């Protein structure tokens, strides 16, 4: 698979056990993020390595972190294929980079709200690679709480907030930052939603998520932000 982002061509090998780059986050951040030559970059939840590779091609000195062993292997292979050097580390969120400060943090972490029925139909590896927590946004909320300890006053944090998660909790955490909306759009949800529509319609009615019907499809909203410390 080839991706064209910011004038860079990136060739990726994909794996069924590693979250595939999608317009829901990876491509959206890849279009919008800014990396200056020589900047230190941390890519949290690197997955296939797409954003880390892009950051390296744009001149960043990149550390890529993921909790999933299959993702670490794949990111390393894709980095080699694209002739870039990444410092690839295993760990949960910031656990493997404690004490470091970065010019740029990229946090395109899973925000899928998986119903119990959907979880039971998936392999454990697939669930780990897709789920953002019980309500979808817990992982992002944790990042927004912890990231300031890894930033200086001019650091930039790039995130996506996805309305299929408990997105309102994520928005509440933005009060700690100067937030700049880089992109907003709506997009069809992933196929798993159709395997348990009653669950997701109930979550929508309760206000825990926000989805809507566009003809016969469910759609959700995507917000891309650049965050700086206040």
C-alpha atoms as a PDB file:
ATOM      1  CA  UNK A   1       0.000   0.000   0.000  1.00  0.00           C
ATOM      2  CA  UNK A   2       1.279   3.476  -0.904  1.00  0.00           C
ATOM      3  CA  UNK A   3       0.388   6.767   0.780  1.00  0.00           C
ATOM      4  CA  UNK A   4       1.103  10.273  -0.542  1.00  0.00           C
ATOM      5  CA  UNK A   5       1.334  12.833   2.256  1.00  0.00           C
ATOM      6  CA  UNK A   6       2.959  16.271   2.193  1.00  0.00           C
ATOM      7  CA  UNK A   7       4.781  15.408  -1.011  1.00  0.00           C
ATOM      8  CA  UNK A   8       6.220  12.210   0.457  1.00  0.00           C
ATOM      9  CA  UNK A   9       5.569   8.715  -0.884  1.00  0.00           C
ATOM     10  CA  UNK A  10       5.406   6.081   1.843  1.00  0.00           C
ATOM     11  CA  UNK A  11       5.194   2.376   1.079  1.00  0.00           C
ATOM     12  CA  UNK A  12       3.633   0.250   3.801  1.00  0.00           C
ATOM     13  CA  UNK A  13       3.257  -3.417   4.448  1.00  0.00           C
ATOM     14  CA  UNK A  14       0.047  -4.070   6.367  1.00  0.00           C
ATOM     15  CA  UNK A  15      -1.005  -6.767   8.835  1.00  0.00           C
ATOM     16  CA  UNK A  16      -4.406  -7.958  10.016  1.00  0.00           C
ATOM     17  CA  UNK A  17      -3.185  -7.675  13.629  1.00  0.00           C
ATOM     18  CA  UNK A  18      -2.097  -4.024  13.288  1.00  0.00           C
ATOM     19  CA  UNK A  19      -4.517  -1.141  12.898  1.00  0.00           C
ATOM     20  CA  UNK A  20      -4.627  -0.072   9.249  1.00  0.00           C
ATOM     21  CA  UNK A  21      -4.104   3.653   8.523  1.00  0.00           C
ATOM     22  CA  UNK A  22      -7.422   5.286   7.771  1.00  0.00           C
ATOM     23  CA  UNK A  23      -8.981   8.716   7.117  1.00  0.00           C
ATOM     24  CA  UNK A  24     -10.369   8.529  10.669  1.00  0.00           C
ATOM     25  CA  UNK A  25      -7.031   9.626  12.074  1.00  0.00           C
ATOM     26  CA  UNK A  26      -3.759   8.653  10.484  1.00  0.00           C
ATOM     27  CA  UNK A  27      -4.208  10.293   7.108  1.00  0.00           C
ATOM     28  CA  UNK A  28      -5.934  13.330   8.656  1.00  0.00           C
ATOM     29  CA  UNK A  29      -3.026  14.006  11.015  1.00  0.00           C
ATOM     30  CA  UNK A  30      -0.523  13.196   8.268  1.00  0.00           C
ATOM     31  CA  UNK A  31      -1.970  15.914   6.059  1.00  0.00           C
ATOM     32  CA  UNK A  32      -2.046  18.517   8.836  1.00  0.00           C
ATOM     33  CA  UNK A  33       0.959  18.008  11.119  1.00  0.00           C
ATOM     34  CA  UNK A  34       4.030  20.207  10.779  1.00  0.00           C
ATOM     35  CA  UNK A  35       7.537  18.832  11.336  1.00  0.00           C
ATOM     36  CA  UNK A  36      10.632  21.011  11.090  1.00  0.00           C
ATOM     37  CA  UNK A  37      14.033  19.563  10.275  1.00  0.00           C
ATOM     38  CA  UNK A  38      15.902  18.479  13.399  1.00  0.00           C
ATOM     39  CA  UNK A  39      12.898  18.463  15.716  1.00  0.00           C
ATOM     40  CA  UNK A  40      12.487  15.626  18.203  1.00  0.00           C
ATOM     41  CA  UNK A  41       9.259  13.729  17.587  1.00  0.00           C
ATOM     42  CA  UNK A  42       7.366  11.138  19.629  1.00  0.00           C
ATOM     43  CA  UNK A  43       4.784   9.020  17.809  1.00  0.00           C
ATOM     44  CA  UNK A  44       2.517   7.261  20.329  1.00  0.00           C
ATOM     45  CA  UNK A  45       0.649   4.214  19.047  1.00  0.00           C
ATOM     46  CA  UNK A  46       2.709   4.095  15.889  1.00  0.00           C
ATOM     47  CA  UNK A  47       0.966   1.021  14.431  1.00  0.00           C
ATOM     48  CA  UNK A  48       2.277   0.499  10.910  1.00  0.00           C
ATOM     49  CA  UNK A  49       4.701   3.377  11.454  1.00  0.00           C
ATOM     50  CA  UNK A  50       3.126   5.631   8.837  1.00  0.00           C
ATOM     51  CA  UNK A  51       3.205   8.907  10.796  1.00  0.00           C
ATOM     52  CA  UNK A  52       6.617   8.175  12.309  1.00  0.00           C
ATOM     53  CA  UNK A  53       8.025   7.473   8.842  1.00  0.00           C
ATOM     54  CA  UNK A  54       6.443  10.645   7.479  1.00  0.00           C
ATOM     55  CA  UNK A  55       7.897  12.678  10.365  1.00  0.00           C
ATOM     56  CA  UNK A  56      11.345  11.209   9.677  1.00  0.00           C
ATOM     57  CA  UNK A  57      11.075  11.970   5.960  1.00  0.00           C
ATOM     58  CA  UNK A  58      10.220  15.571   6.878  1.00  0.00           C
ATOM     59  CA  UNK A  59      13.419  15.800   8.924  1.00  0.00           C
ATOM     60  CA  UNK A  60      12.341  14.811  12.416  1.00  0.00           C
ATOM     61  CA  UNK A  61      14.335  12.710  14.873  1.00  0.00           C
ATOM     62  CA  UNK A  62      11.623  10.208  15.670  1.00  0.00           C
ATOM     63  CA  UNK A  63      10.850   7.857  18.535  1.00  0.00           C
ATOM     64  CA  UNK A  64       7.949   5.503  17.775  1.00  0.00           C
ATOM     65  CA  UNK A  65       6.114   3.683  20.577  1.00  0.00           C
ATOM     66  CA  UNK A  66       3.493   0.948  20.560  1.00  0.00           C
ATOM     67  CA  UNK A  67       2.141  -1.592  23.024  1.00  0.00           C
ATOM     68  CA  UNK A  68       1.493  -4.268  20.380  1.00  0.00           C
ATOM     69  CA  UNK A  69       4.522  -6.460  19.520  1.00  0.00           C
ATOM     70  CA  UNK A  70       3.237  -7.090  15.995  1.00  0.00           C
ATOM     71  CA  UNK A  71       3.088  -3.319  15.435  1.00  0.00           C
ATOM     72  CA  UNK A  72       6.687  -2.854  16.572  1.00  0.00           C
ATOM     73  CA  UNK A  73       7.890  -5.498  14.122  1.00  0.00           C
ATOM     74  CA  UNK A  74       5.834  -4.041  11.295  1.00  0.00           C
ATOM     75  CA  UNK A  75       6.911  -0.444  11.972  1.00  0.00           C
ATOM     76  CA  UNK A  76      10.549  -1.511  11.972  1.00  0.00           C
ATOM     77  CA  UNK A  77      10.093  -3.330   8.658  1.00  0.00           C
ATOM     78  CA  UNK A  78       8.274  -0.376   7.096  1.00  0.00           C
ATOM     79  CA  UNK A  79      10.926   2.069   8.300  1.00  0.00           C
ATOM     80  CA  UNK A  80      13.610  -0.020   6.600  1.00  0.00           C
ATOM     81  CA  UNK A  81      11.538  -0.203   3.413  1.00  0.00           C
ATOM     82  CA  UNK A  82      11.272   3.596   3.392  1.00  0.00           C
ATOM     83  CA  UNK A  83      14.958   4.198   4.185  1.00  0.00           C
ATOM     84  CA  UNK A  84      14.391   6.096   7.432  1.00  0.00           C
ATOM     85  CA  UNK A  85      15.741   5.567  10.943  1.00  0.00           C
ATOM     86  CA  UNK A  86      13.290   5.296  13.854  1.00  0.00           C
ATOM     87  CA  UNK A  87      13.916   4.707  17.555  1.00  0.00           C
ATOM     88  CA  UNK A  88      11.215   2.045  18.035  1.00  0.00           C
ATOM     89  CA  UNK A  89      10.209   1.179  21.595  1.00  0.00           C
ATOM     90  CA  UNK A  90       7.652  -1.105  23.176  1.00  0.00           C
ATOM     91  CA  UNK A  91       5.498   0.333  25.928  1.00  0.00           C
ATOM     92  CA  UNK A  92       2.162   1.752  26.971  1.00  0.00           C
ATOM     93  CA  UNK A  93       1.775   5.433  26.029  1.00  0.00           C
ATOM     94  CA  UNK A  94       4.632   7.412  27.699  1.00  0.00           C
ATOM     95  CA  UNK A  95       5.991   4.550  29.817  1.00  0.00           C
ATOM     96  CA  UNK A  96       9.093   3.908  27.680  1.00  0.00           C
ATOM     97  CA  UNK A  97      10.122   7.577  27.321  1.00  0.00           C
ATOM     98  CA  UNK A  98       9.831   8.823  30.903  1.00  0.00           C
ATOM     99  CA  UNK A  99      11.932  11.942  31.493  1.00  0.00           C
ATOM    100  CA  UNK A 100      12.194  12.964  27.850  1.00  0.00           C
ATOM    101  CA  UNK A 101      10.897  16.205  26.348  1.00  0.00           C
ATOM    102  CA  UNK A 102       9.814  16.432  22.702  1.00  0.00           C
ATOM    103  CA  UNK A 103       9.293  19.217  20.193  1.00  0.00           C
ATOM    104  CA  UNK A 104       6.399  17.307  18.647  1.00  0.00           C
ATOM    105  CA  UNK A 105       4.119  14.561  19.978  1.00  0.00           C
ATOM    106  CA  UNK A 106       1.840  12.664  17.612  1.00  0.00           C
ATOM    107  CA  UNK A 107      -0.924  10.772  19.402  1.00  0.00           C
ATOM    108  CA  UNK A 108      -3.101   8.956  16.901  1.00  0.00           C
ATOM    109  CA  UNK A 109      -4.320   6.346  19.372  1.00  0.00           C
ATOM    110  CA  UNK A 110      -7.332   4.029  18.928  1.00  0.00           C
ATOM    111  CA  UNK A 111     -10.696   5.576  19.777  1.00  0.00           C
ATOM    112  CA  UNK A 112     -13.023   2.831  18.699  1.00  0.00           C
ATOM    113  CA  UNK A 113     -15.907   2.184  21.079  1.00  0.00           C
ATOM    114  CA  UNK A 114     -16.302  -1.600  20.737  1.00  0.00           C
ATOM    115  CA  UNK A 115     -19.511  -3.172  21.989  1.00  0.00           C
ATOM    116  CA  UNK A 116     -19.360  -6.421  23.999  1.00  0.00           C
ATOM    117  CA  UNK A 117     -20.774  -8.257  20.981  1.00  0.00           C
ATOM    118  CA  UNK A 118     -18.086  -6.826  18.695  1.00  0.00           C
ATOM    119  CA  UNK A 119     -15.333  -7.681  21.187  1.00  0.00           C
ATOM    120  CA  UNK A 120     -16.525 -11.285  21.483  1.00  0.00           C
ATOM    121  CA  UNK A 121     -16.390 -11.672  17.696  1.00  0.00           C
ATOM    122  CA  UNK A 122     -12.777 -10.438  17.435  1.00  0.00           C
ATOM    123  CA  UNK A 123      -9.420 -11.887  18.336  1.00  0.00           C
ATOM    124  CA  UNK A 124      -7.709 -10.423  21.396  1.00  0.00           C
ATOM    125  CA  UNK A 125      -4.960  -8.940  19.194  1.00  0.00           C
ATOM    126  CA  UNK A 126      -7.535  -7.185  17.033  1.00  0.00           C
ATOM    127  CA  UNK A 127      -9.327  -5.764  20.081  1.00  0.00           C
ATOM    128  CA  UNK A 128      -6.063  -4.417  21.544  1.00  0.00           C
ATOM    129  CA  UNK A 129      -5.150  -2.762  18.240  1.00  0.00           C
ATOM    130  CA  UNK A 130      -8.557  -1.058  17.847  1.00  0.00           C
ATOM    131  CA  UNK A 131     -10.086  -0.315  21.254  1.00  0.00           C
ATOM    132  CA  UNK A 132      -9.564   3.035  22.915  1.00  0.00           C
ATOM    133  CA  UNK A 133     -10.996   1.777  26.191  1.00  0.00           C
ATOM    134  CA  UNK A 134     -14.418   0.820  27.503  1.00  0.00           C
ATOM    135  CA  UNK A 135     -16.018   3.993  26.092  1.00  0.00           C
ATOM    136  CA  UNK A 136     -13.534   4.568  23.281  1.00  0.00           C
ATOM    137  CA  UNK A 137     -11.723   7.695  24.444  1.00  0.00           C
ATOM    138  CA  UNK A 138     -10.004   6.649  27.666  1.00  0.00           C
ATOM    139  CA  UNK A 139      -6.592   6.253  26.041  1.00  0.00           C
ATOM    140  CA  UNK A 140      -6.735   9.719  24.489  1.00  0.00           C
ATOM    141  CA  UNK A 141      -7.905  11.282  27.762  1.00  0.00           C
ATOM    142  CA  UNK A 142      -4.912   9.729  29.547  1.00  0.00           C
ATOM    143  CA  UNK A 143      -2.557  11.171  26.918  1.00  0.00           C
ATOM    144  CA  UNK A 144      -4.084  14.636  27.259  1.00  0.00           C
ATOM    145  CA  UNK A 145      -3.584  14.437  31.018  1.00  0.00           C
ATOM    146  CA  UNK A 146       0.040  13.238  30.863  1.00  0.00           C
ATOM    147  CA  UNK A 147       1.449  14.928  27.759  1.00  0.00           C
ATOM    148  CA  UNK A 148       2.390  18.280  29.391  1.00  0.00           C
ATOM    149  CA  UNK A 149       5.159  16.508  31.344  1.00  0.00           C
ATOM    150  CA  UNK A 150       6.800  15.640  28.006  1.00  0.00           C
ATOM    151  CA  UNK A 151       6.406  19.073  26.373  1.00  0.00           C
ATOM    152  CA  UNK A 152       8.191  22.413  26.530  1.00  0.00           C
ATOM    153  CA  UNK A 153       6.448  25.727  26.010  1.00  0.00           C
ATOM    154  CA  UNK A 154       6.741  25.577  22.209  1.00  0.00           C
ATOM    155  CA  UNK A 155       5.983  21.869  21.768  1.00  0.00           C
ATOM    156  CA  UNK A 156       3.121  20.787  19.538  1.00  0.00           C
ATOM    157  CA  UNK A 157       0.784  17.875  20.249  1.00  0.00           C
ATOM    158  CA  UNK A 158      -1.247  16.485  17.336  1.00  0.00           C
ATOM    159  CA  UNK A 159      -4.416  14.540  18.114  1.00  0.00           C
ATOM    160  CA  UNK A 160      -7.678  13.427  16.578  1.00  0.00           C
ATOM    161  CA  UNK A 161     -10.972  13.399  18.478  1.00  0.00           C
ATOM    162  CA  UNK A 162     -13.484  10.940  17.037  1.00  0.00           C
ATOM    163  CA  UNK A 163     -17.191  11.180  17.827  1.00  0.00           C
ATOM    164  CA  UNK A 164     -17.689   7.395  17.917  1.00  0.00           C
ATOM    165  CA  UNK A 165     -15.917   7.576  21.297  1.00  0.00           C
ATOM    166  CA  UNK A 166     -16.883   9.436  24.485  1.00  0.00           C
ATOM    167  CA  UNK A 167     -15.567  12.510  22.690  1.00  0.00           C
ATOM    168  CA  UNK A 168     -17.013  15.047  25.124  1.00  0.00           C
ATOM    169  CA  UNK A 169     -14.606  13.843  27.815  1.00  0.00           C
ATOM    170  CA  UNK A 170     -11.716  14.407  25.402  1.00  0.00           C
ATOM    171  CA  UNK A 171     -12.933  17.923  24.622  1.00  0.00           C
ATOM    172  CA  UNK A 172     -13.048  18.765  28.328  1.00  0.00           C
ATOM    173  CA  UNK A 173      -9.311  18.030  28.585  1.00  0.00           C
ATOM    174  CA  UNK A 174      -8.502  20.643  25.949  1.00  0.00           C
ATOM    175  CA  UNK A 175      -8.892  23.427  28.523  1.00  0.00           C
ATOM    176  CA  UNK A 176      -5.295  22.703  29.569  1.00  0.00           C
ATOM    177  CA  UNK A 177      -4.033  23.669  26.106  1.00  0.00           C
ATOM    178  CA  UNK A 178      -4.126  26.361  23.485  1.00  0.00           C
ATOM    179  CA  UNK A 179      -6.035  24.374  20.857  1.00  0.00           C
ATOM    180  CA  UNK A 180      -6.052  25.030  17.113  1.00  0.00           C
ATOM    181  CA  UNK A 181      -8.518  23.105  14.959  1.00  0.00           C
ATOM    182  CA  UNK A 182      -6.657  22.019  11.828  1.00  0.00           C
ATOM    183  CA  UNK A 183      -9.358  19.977  10.143  1.00  0.00           C
ATOM    184  CA  UNK A 184     -12.929  18.801  10.626  1.00  0.00           C
ATOM    185  CA  UNK A 185     -14.926  16.414   8.518  1.00  0.00           C
ATOM    186  CA  UNK A 186     -17.406  13.555   8.681  1.00  0.00           C
ATOM    187  CA  UNK A 187     -16.809  10.035   7.431  1.00  0.00           C
ATOM    188  CA  UNK A 188     -18.524   6.636   7.310  1.00  0.00           C
ATOM    189  CA  UNK A 189     -17.921   4.506  10.407  1.00  0.00           C
ATOM    190  CA  UNK A 190     -16.145   1.175  10.225  1.00  0.00           C
ATOM    191  CA  UNK A 191     -18.001  -2.029   9.397  1.00  0.00           C
ATOM    192  CA  UNK A 192     -18.105  -3.370  12.969  1.00  0.00           C
ATOM    193  CA  UNK A 193     -20.803  -0.813  13.892  1.00  0.00           C
ATOM    194  CA  UNK A 194     -23.256  -2.597  11.579  1.00  0.00           C
ATOM    195  CA  UNK A 195     -22.789  -5.867  13.457  1.00  0.00           C
ATOM    196  CA  UNK A 196     -24.374  -4.356  16.581  1.00  0.00           C
ATOM    197  CA  UNK A 197     -26.428  -1.313  15.488  1.00  0.00           C
ATOM    198  CA  UNK A 198     -28.809  -1.458  18.469  1.00  0.00           C
ATOM    199  CA  UNK A 199     -25.883  -0.916  20.868  1.00  0.00           C
ATOM    200  CA  UNK A 200     -24.537   2.061  18.939  1.00  0.00           C
ATOM    201  CA  UNK A 201     -27.952   3.642  18.432  1.00  0.00           C
ATOM    202  CA  UNK A 202     -28.531   3.408  22.203  1.00  0.00           C
ATOM    203  CA  UNK A 203     -25.121   4.963  22.911  1.00  0.00           C
ATOM    204  CA  UNK A 204     -26.015   7.737  20.483  1.00  0.00           C
ATOM    205  CA  UNK A 205     -29.379   8.381  22.154  1.00  0.00           C
ATOM    206  CA  UNK A 206     -27.658   8.622  25.545  1.00  0.00           C
ATOM    207  CA  UNK A 207     -25.170  11.130  24.161  1.00  0.00           C
ATOM    208  CA  UNK A 208     -22.154   8.928  24.877  1.00  0.00           C
ATOM    209  CA  UNK A 209     -21.220   9.013  21.184  1.00  0.00           C
ATOM    210  CA  UNK A 210     -22.376  11.037  18.207  1.00  0.00           C
ATOM    211  CA  UNK A 211     -23.247   9.297  14.954  1.00  0.00           C
ATOM    212  CA  UNK A 212     -25.883   9.979  12.339  1.00  0.00           C
ATOM    213  CA  UNK A 213     -27.441   8.377   9.299  1.00  0.00           C
ATOM    214  CA  UNK A 214     -26.374   9.528   5.833  1.00  0.00           C
ATOM    215  CA  UNK A 215     -28.770   7.611   3.598  1.00  0.00           C
ATOM    216  CA  UNK A 216     -28.184   4.011   4.733  1.00  0.00           C
ATOM    217  CA  UNK A 217     -24.749   4.620   6.270  1.00  0.00           C
ATOM    218  CA  UNK A 218     -23.710   5.619   9.764  1.00  0.00           C
ATOM    219  CA  UNK A 219     -21.297   8.558   9.836  1.00  0.00           C
ATOM    220  CA  UNK A 220     -19.208  10.106  12.600  1.00  0.00           C
ATOM    221  CA  UNK A 221     -17.215  13.328  13.015  1.00  0.00           C
ATOM    222  CA  UNK A 222     -13.430  13.745  13.092  1.00  0.00           C
ATOM    223  CA  UNK A 223     -11.639  16.739  14.653  1.00  0.00           C
ATOM    224  CA  UNK A 224      -7.891  17.234  14.078  1.00  0.00           C
ATOM    225  CA  UNK A 225      -6.114  19.496  16.585  1.00  0.00           C
ATOM    226  CA  UNK A 226      -2.704  21.018  17.170  1.00  0.00           C
ATOM    227  CA  UNK A 227      -2.275  21.639  20.903  1.00  0.00           C
ATOM    228  CA  UNK A 228       0.254  23.805  22.740  1.00  0.00           C
ATOM    229  CA  UNK A 229       0.725  24.423  26.434  1.00  0.00           C
ATOM    230  CA  UNK A 230      -0.944  27.508  27.875  1.00  0.00           C
END
